[in-house]
Amino acid sequence: MPKMIFVSLPVANLETSVAFYKALGFERNPQFSDDSAACMVWSEAICVMLITHAKWRTFTQRPFPPAGTAGLMLSLVLDSRDAVDAMNQAAAAHGGQADVNPAEDTGFMYTRDLADPDGHMWAALWMDPVSMPHADQR
């Protein structure tokens, strides 16, 4: 089996979260989904597990982070600046929040941050490694 990553996120409303992630371009894998969790596939190696609060409590009793806090931000690399803009628009149109931080444009990289309906942060980004300055030029 190839190396993979499953990012697990607690969500307040599973249906709302599934619709949100579908709007961003994730696909639902029914094999790993049920009434308490949904496996949302980004690529062959990356999946996001959306897990209801009740199911999450079977994994840990640690407290949920307070609303408005950020424990981590995950990044999704996209094919173009337009795709970054489209993902941010989809986030805002499907219960999330676009531009939770100011957009960043360094010429070789363009990033816009968004949050899902539960406040989990994602960076949508495009980069052109060929145009990236070398370490000695920064």
C-alpha atoms as a PDB file:
ATOM      1  CA  MET A   1       0.000   0.000   0.000  1.00  0.00           C
ATOM      2  CA  PRO A   2       1.370   3.483  -0.832  1.00  0.00           C
ATOM      3  CA  LYS A   3       2.026   6.020   1.909  1.00  0.00           C
ATOM      4  CA  MET A   4      -1.031   8.160   2.532  1.00  0.00           C
ATOM      5  CA  ILE A   5      -2.244  10.826   4.923  1.00  0.00           C
ATOM      6  CA  PHE A   6      -5.705  10.974   6.464  1.00  0.00           C
ATOM      7  CA  VAL A   7      -6.364  14.324   8.134  1.00  0.00           C
ATOM      8  CA  SER A   8      -9.192  13.949  10.667  1.00  0.00           C
ATOM      9  CA  LEU A   9     -11.339  16.990  11.449  1.00  0.00           C
ATOM     10  CA  PRO A  10     -14.224  17.213  13.926  1.00  0.00           C
ATOM     11  CA  VAL A  11     -17.306  18.804  12.338  1.00  0.00           C
ATOM     12  CA  ALA A  12     -20.564  20.057  13.826  1.00  0.00           C
ATOM     13  CA  ASN A  13     -22.714  19.184  10.795  1.00  0.00           C
ATOM     14  CA  LEU A  14     -21.531  16.335   8.568  1.00  0.00           C
ATOM     15  CA  GLU A  15     -23.829  17.091   5.603  1.00  0.00           C
ATOM     16  CA  THR A  16     -22.849  20.770   5.567  1.00  0.00           C
ATOM     17  CA  SER A  17     -19.163  19.877   5.724  1.00  0.00           C
ATOM     18  CA  VAL A  18     -19.451  17.262   2.953  1.00  0.00           C
ATOM     19  CA  ALA A  19     -21.149  19.833   0.687  1.00  0.00           C
ATOM     20  CA  PHE A  20     -18.444  22.378   1.511  1.00  0.00           C
ATOM     21  CA  TYR A  21     -15.559  20.040   0.695  1.00  0.00           C
ATOM     22  CA  LYS A  22     -17.256  18.831  -2.502  1.00  0.00           C
ATOM     23  CA  ALA A  23     -17.519  22.477  -3.591  1.00  0.00           C
ATOM     24  CA  LEU A  24     -13.748  22.808  -3.086  1.00  0.00           C
ATOM     25  CA  GLY A  25     -13.070  19.835  -5.358  1.00  0.00           C
ATOM     26  CA  PHE A  26     -12.843  16.921  -2.917  1.00  0.00           C
ATOM     27  CA  GLU A  27     -14.655  13.668  -3.753  1.00  0.00           C
ATOM     28  CA  ARG A  28     -16.468  11.536  -1.188  1.00  0.00           C
ATOM     29  CA  ASN A  29     -15.241   7.955  -0.817  1.00  0.00           C
ATOM     30  CA  PRO A  30     -18.295   5.927   0.251  1.00  0.00           C
ATOM     31  CA  GLN A  31     -16.121   2.979   1.316  1.00  0.00           C
ATOM     32  CA  PHE A  32     -14.835   4.993   4.296  1.00  0.00           C
ATOM     33  CA  SER A  33     -17.994   7.015   4.979  1.00  0.00           C
ATOM     34  CA  ASP A  34     -21.096   6.469   7.106  1.00  0.00           C
ATOM     35  CA  ASP A  35     -23.507   8.499   9.273  1.00  0.00           C
ATOM     36  CA  SER A  36     -20.723   9.586  11.616  1.00  0.00           C
ATOM     37  CA  ALA A  37     -17.846  10.254   9.222  1.00  0.00           C
ATOM     38  CA  ALA A  38     -17.091  11.056   5.596  1.00  0.00           C
ATOM     39  CA  CYS A  39     -13.854  10.396   3.771  1.00  0.00           C
ATOM     40  CA  MET A  40     -13.192  13.268   1.370  1.00  0.00           C
ATOM     41  CA  VAL A  41     -10.471  12.544  -1.196  1.00  0.00           C
ATOM     42  CA  TRP A  42      -8.118  15.260  -2.429  1.00  0.00           C
ATOM     43  CA  SER A  43      -5.645  12.971  -4.213  1.00  0.00           C
ATOM     44  CA  GLU A  44      -4.586   9.336  -4.257  1.00  0.00           C
ATOM     45  CA  ALA A  45      -2.472   9.998  -1.162  1.00  0.00           C
ATOM     46  CA  ILE A  46      -4.448  12.669   0.733  1.00  0.00           C
ATOM     47  CA  CYS A  47      -7.852  12.266   2.367  1.00  0.00           C
ATOM     48  CA  VAL A  48      -9.749  14.366   4.889  1.00  0.00           C
ATOM     49  CA  MET A  49     -11.912  12.499   7.381  1.00  0.00           C
ATOM     50  CA  LEU A  50     -14.845  14.640   8.476  1.00  0.00           C
ATOM     51  CA  ILE A  51     -15.981  13.241  11.806  1.00  0.00           C
ATOM     52  CA  THR A  52     -19.062  14.182  13.830  1.00  0.00           C
ATOM     53  CA  HIS A  53     -18.449  15.488  17.322  1.00  0.00           C
ATOM     54  CA  ALA A  54     -20.088  12.381  18.812  1.00  0.00           C
ATOM     55  CA  LYS A  55     -17.786  10.051  16.870  1.00  0.00           C
ATOM     56  CA  TRP A  56     -14.773  12.272  17.631  1.00  0.00           C
ATOM     57  CA  ARG A  57     -15.475  11.763  21.339  1.00  0.00           C
ATOM     58  CA  THR A  58     -14.830   8.010  20.866  1.00  0.00           C
ATOM     59  CA  PHE A  59     -11.247   8.921  19.851  1.00  0.00           C
ATOM     60  CA  THR A  60     -10.402  11.529  22.501  1.00  0.00           C
ATOM     61  CA  GLN A  61     -11.846  13.472  25.385  1.00  0.00           C
ATOM     62  CA  ARG A  62      -9.495  16.409  24.811  1.00  0.00           C
ATOM     63  CA  PRO A  63     -11.429  19.690  24.480  1.00  0.00           C
ATOM     64  CA  PHE A  64     -12.329  21.141  21.104  1.00  0.00           C
ATOM     65  CA  PRO A  65     -10.360  24.312  20.320  1.00  0.00           C
ATOM     66  CA  PRO A  66     -12.311  27.478  21.127  1.00  0.00           C
ATOM     67  CA  ALA A  67     -14.095  29.093  18.173  1.00  0.00           C
ATOM     68  CA  GLY A  68     -11.884  31.553  16.329  1.00  0.00           C
ATOM     69  CA  THR A  69      -8.601  29.846  17.230  1.00  0.00           C
ATOM     70  CA  ALA A  70      -6.211  28.128  14.851  1.00  0.00           C
ATOM     71  CA  GLY A  71      -4.214  25.073  15.836  1.00  0.00           C
ATOM     72  CA  LEU A  72      -2.989  24.397  12.332  1.00  0.00           C
ATOM     73  CA  MET A  73      -3.433  25.361   8.710  1.00  0.00           C
ATOM     74  CA  LEU A  74      -3.225  22.849   5.891  1.00  0.00           C
ATOM     75  CA  SER A  75      -2.232  23.889   2.360  1.00  0.00           C
ATOM     76  CA  LEU A  76      -3.613  22.724  -0.978  1.00  0.00           C
ATOM     77  CA  VAL A  77      -1.510  23.392  -4.074  1.00  0.00           C
ATOM     78  CA  LEU A  78      -3.615  24.250  -7.122  1.00  0.00           C
ATOM     79  CA  ASP A  79      -2.871  24.549 -10.839  1.00  0.00           C
ATOM     80  CA  SER A  80      -3.355  28.306 -11.274  1.00  0.00           C
ATOM     81  CA  ARG A  81      -4.086  31.640  -9.655  1.00  0.00           C
ATOM     82  CA  ASP A  82      -7.606  31.398 -11.072  1.00  0.00           C
ATOM     83  CA  ALA A  83      -8.061  28.047  -9.287  1.00  0.00           C
ATOM     84  CA  VAL A  84      -6.978  29.683  -6.005  1.00  0.00           C
ATOM     85  CA  ASP A  85      -9.541  32.449  -6.527  1.00  0.00           C
ATOM     86  CA  ALA A  86     -12.241  29.912  -7.469  1.00  0.00           C
ATOM     87  CA  MET A  87     -11.586  27.843  -4.330  1.00  0.00           C
ATOM     88  CA  ASN A  88     -11.905  30.934  -2.153  1.00  0.00           C
ATOM     89  CA  GLN A  89     -15.174  31.876  -3.867  1.00  0.00           C
ATOM     90  CA  ALA A  90     -16.478  28.315  -3.391  1.00  0.00           C
ATOM     91  CA  ALA A  91     -15.566  28.456   0.299  1.00  0.00           C
ATOM     92  CA  ALA A  92     -17.556  31.652   0.818  1.00  0.00           C
ATOM     93  CA  ALA A  93     -20.526  30.344  -1.180  1.00  0.00           C
ATOM     94  CA  HIS A  94     -20.745  27.062   0.763  1.00  0.00           C
ATOM     95  CA  GLY A  95     -20.702  28.071   4.411  1.00  0.00           C
ATOM     96  CA  GLY A  96     -17.019  28.768   4.871  1.00  0.00           C
ATOM     97  CA  GLN A  97     -15.044  31.978   5.011  1.00  0.00           C
ATOM     98  CA  ALA A  98     -12.794  33.304   2.259  1.00  0.00           C
ATOM     99  CA  ASP A  99      -9.671  35.354   2.891  1.00  0.00           C
ATOM    100  CA  VAL A 100      -9.345  34.712   6.633  1.00  0.00           C
ATOM    101  CA  ASN A 101      -5.888  36.273   6.247  1.00  0.00           C
ATOM    102  CA  PRO A 102      -4.719  38.814   3.660  1.00  0.00           C
ATOM    103  CA  ALA A 103      -3.902  37.306   0.256  1.00  0.00           C
ATOM    104  CA  GLU A 104      -0.189  36.930  -0.441  1.00  0.00           C
ATOM    105  CA  ASP A 105       1.345  37.393  -3.886  1.00  0.00           C
ATOM    106  CA  THR A 106       5.124  37.071  -4.140  1.00  0.00           C
ATOM    107  CA  GLY A 107       5.156  36.693  -7.928  1.00  0.00           C
ATOM    108  CA  PHE A 108       6.226  33.046  -7.842  1.00  0.00           C
ATOM    109  CA  MET A 109       3.573  32.130  -5.250  1.00  0.00           C
ATOM    110  CA  TYR A 110      -0.037  33.229  -4.757  1.00  0.00           C
ATOM    111  CA  THR A 111      -1.914  32.251  -1.590  1.00  0.00           C
ATOM    112  CA  ARG A 112      -5.411  32.898  -0.230  1.00  0.00           C
ATOM    113  CA  ASP A 113      -6.449  31.382   3.089  1.00  0.00           C
ATOM    114  CA  LEU A 114      -9.938  30.108   3.843  1.00  0.00           C
ATOM    115  CA  ALA A 115     -11.828  28.408   6.651  1.00  0.00           C
ATOM    116  CA  ASP A 116     -14.408  25.621   6.483  1.00  0.00           C
ATOM    117  CA  PRO A 117     -17.773  25.875   8.298  1.00  0.00           C
ATOM    118  CA  ASP A 118     -16.107  24.680  11.529  1.00  0.00           C
ATOM    119  CA  GLY A 119     -13.212  27.138  11.271  1.00  0.00           C
ATOM    120  CA  HIS A 120     -10.547  24.664  10.100  1.00  0.00           C
ATOM    121  CA  MET A 121      -8.063  26.715   8.090  1.00  0.00           C
ATOM    122  CA  TRP A 122      -6.742  25.905   4.641  1.00  0.00           C
ATOM    123  CA  ALA A 123      -4.321  27.765   2.395  1.00  0.00           C
ATOM    124  CA  ALA A 124      -5.177  27.571  -1.293  1.00  0.00           C
ATOM    125  CA  LEU A 125      -1.988  28.268  -3.186  1.00  0.00           C
ATOM    126  CA  TRP A 126      -0.380  28.302  -6.601  1.00  0.00           C
ATOM    127  CA  MET A 127       3.349  28.438  -7.142  1.00  0.00           C
ATOM    128  CA  ASP A 128       5.806  28.496 -10.006  1.00  0.00           C
ATOM    129  CA  PRO A 129       9.009  26.867  -8.703  1.00  0.00           C
ATOM    130  CA  VAL A 130      10.910  27.909 -11.848  1.00  0.00           C
ATOM    131  CA  SER A 131      10.367  31.598 -10.985  1.00  0.00           C
ATOM    132  CA  MET A 132      11.255  31.118  -7.331  1.00  0.00           C
ATOM    133  CA  PRO A 133      14.424  32.969  -6.318  1.00  0.00           C
ATOM    134  CA  HIS A 134      17.328  30.820  -5.187  1.00  0.00           C
ATOM    135  CA  ALA A 135      18.218  30.920  -1.482  1.00  0.00           C
ATOM    136  CA  ASP A 136      21.262  33.142  -2.162  1.00  0.00           C
ATOM    137  CA  GLN A 137      19.069  35.667  -4.037  1.00  0.00           C
ATOM    138  CA  ARG A 138      16.555  36.231  -1.207  1.00  0.00           C
END
